[in-house]
Protein backbone atom coordinates (compact mmCIF):
# COMPACT_ATOMS: atom_id res chain seq x y z
CA MET A 1 25.29 96.57 4.86
CA SER A 2 22.47 94.08 4.42
CA THR A 3 20.66 93.00 1.29
CA ALA A 4 17.67 95.07 2.39
CA GLU A 5 19.84 98.21 2.23
CA LEU A 6 20.84 97.66 -1.40
CA PRO A 7 19.32 100.03 -3.98
CA ILE A 8 18.20 97.04 -6.08
CA PRO A 9 16.03 94.09 -5.12
CA ILE A 10 17.76 90.70 -4.94
CA ASP A 11 15.73 87.55 -5.48
CA HIS A 12 17.98 85.21 -3.53
CA GLU A 13 16.34 82.04 -4.80
CA GLN A 14 16.73 83.04 -8.47
CA VAL A 15 20.33 84.13 -7.86
CA ALA A 16 21.09 80.85 -6.06
CA GLU A 17 19.55 78.84 -8.90
CA PHE A 18 21.59 80.81 -11.45
CA CYS A 19 24.80 80.20 -9.48
CA ARG A 20 24.21 76.50 -8.83
CA ALA A 21 23.46 75.83 -12.50
CA ARG A 22 26.76 77.42 -13.56
CA GLY A 23 29.08 76.17 -10.82
CA ILE A 24 29.48 79.54 -9.14
CA ARG A 25 30.53 79.08 -5.53
CA ARG A 26 30.40 82.77 -4.60
CA LEU A 27 28.77 85.77 -6.27
CA SER A 28 29.61 89.21 -4.93
CA LEU A 29 28.61 92.77 -5.73
CA PHE A 30 31.07 95.64 -5.72
CA GLY A 31 31.31 99.19 -6.98
CA SER A 32 28.66 101.89 -7.06
CA VAL A 33 25.75 99.58 -6.14
CA LEU A 34 27.25 99.59 -2.64
CA ARG A 35 27.79 103.34 -2.46
CA ASP A 36 25.72 106.50 -2.29
CA ASP A 37 26.67 107.47 -5.85
CA PHE A 38 24.61 104.62 -7.37
CA ASP A 39 22.23 106.06 -9.95
CA PRO A 40 19.17 103.80 -10.37
CA ALA A 41 18.55 105.26 -13.83
CA ARG A 42 22.08 104.81 -15.23
CA SER A 43 24.35 102.67 -13.07
CA ASP A 44 25.13 99.07 -13.88
CA VAL A 45 25.83 96.41 -11.26
CA ASP A 46 29.40 95.15 -10.94
CA VAL A 47 29.52 91.44 -10.11
CA LEU A 48 32.42 89.13 -9.33
CA ALA A 49 31.78 85.41 -9.75
CA GLU A 50 34.05 82.81 -8.19
CA PHE A 51 33.61 79.44 -9.89
CA GLU A 52 34.10 75.92 -8.62
CA PRO A 53 37.23 74.26 -10.03
CA ASP A 54 36.60 73.09 -13.60
CA ALA A 55 33.13 74.69 -13.67
CA LEU A 56 34.03 76.66 -16.78
CA LYS A 57 35.32 73.61 -18.64
CA GLY A 58 33.11 73.33 -21.66
CA ALA A 59 31.25 76.58 -20.94
CA GLY A 60 32.68 78.14 -24.09
CA PHE A 61 30.68 81.03 -25.47
CA ARG A 62 27.85 80.46 -22.95
CA TYR A 63 30.09 82.23 -20.40
CA PHE A 64 29.62 85.49 -22.32
CA GLY A 65 25.86 85.28 -21.80
CA TYR A 66 26.06 84.92 -18.03
CA GLY A 67 25.99 88.69 -17.53
CA GLU A 68 22.84 89.06 -19.62
CA GLU A 69 21.18 86.16 -17.80
CA LEU A 70 21.99 87.70 -14.44
CA ALA A 71 20.84 91.11 -15.70
CA ALA A 72 17.42 89.58 -16.43
CA ILE A 73 17.27 88.35 -12.82
CA LEU A 74 18.43 91.64 -11.29
CA GLY A 75 16.48 93.85 -13.67
CA ARG A 76 19.41 96.01 -14.72
CA LYS A 77 22.63 95.88 -16.74
CA VAL A 78 25.34 93.74 -15.15
CA ASP A 79 29.09 93.99 -15.56
CA PHE A 80 29.88 90.29 -14.97
CA CYS A 81 33.44 89.17 -14.35
CA SER A 82 35.23 86.19 -12.88
CA ARG A 83 38.66 87.81 -12.69
CA LEU A 84 39.80 91.27 -11.83
CA HIS A 85 43.17 92.83 -12.50
CA PRO A 86 45.22 92.49 -9.29
CA LEU A 87 45.29 96.27 -8.77
CA ILE A 88 41.50 96.52 -9.10
CA LEU A 89 40.99 93.49 -6.86
CA ALA A 90 43.21 95.06 -4.20
CA ARG A 91 41.00 98.19 -4.31
CA VAL A 92 37.66 96.38 -4.06
CA LYS A 93 38.36 93.18 -2.10
CA ASP A 94 37.31 94.71 1.22
CA GLU A 95 33.99 95.94 -0.20
CA LEU A 96 32.91 92.71 -1.93
CA PHE A 97 29.34 92.02 -0.83
CA PRO A 98 28.36 88.35 -1.30
CA VAL A 99 24.80 87.75 -2.50
CA TYR A 100 25.38 84.00 -2.91
CA GLU A 101 27.78 81.56 -1.28
CA ARG A 102 27.60 77.81 -1.71
CA ALA A 103 26.86 76.19 1.62
């Protein structure tokens, strides 16, 4: 799958700026946004953020706004997480679709 095949537009520069400003080294999509059952009218976008070491030090409550900030960039509700339960991660790790990776 390529970014062009996604059912939502991705502004790579805005996403990269968002990630760099927050110390995110990799941002990946998973879930229905990558499948045929994605409903543009109702589905949210599941996102897994992998942070640089110590990037969350001092983030405090700002962390809880990251999903809303990313939602404004993507134009739809985002389910933002930086950790997944090991059983869920095992189910989705092969489908993770990176939209940003620090060079």
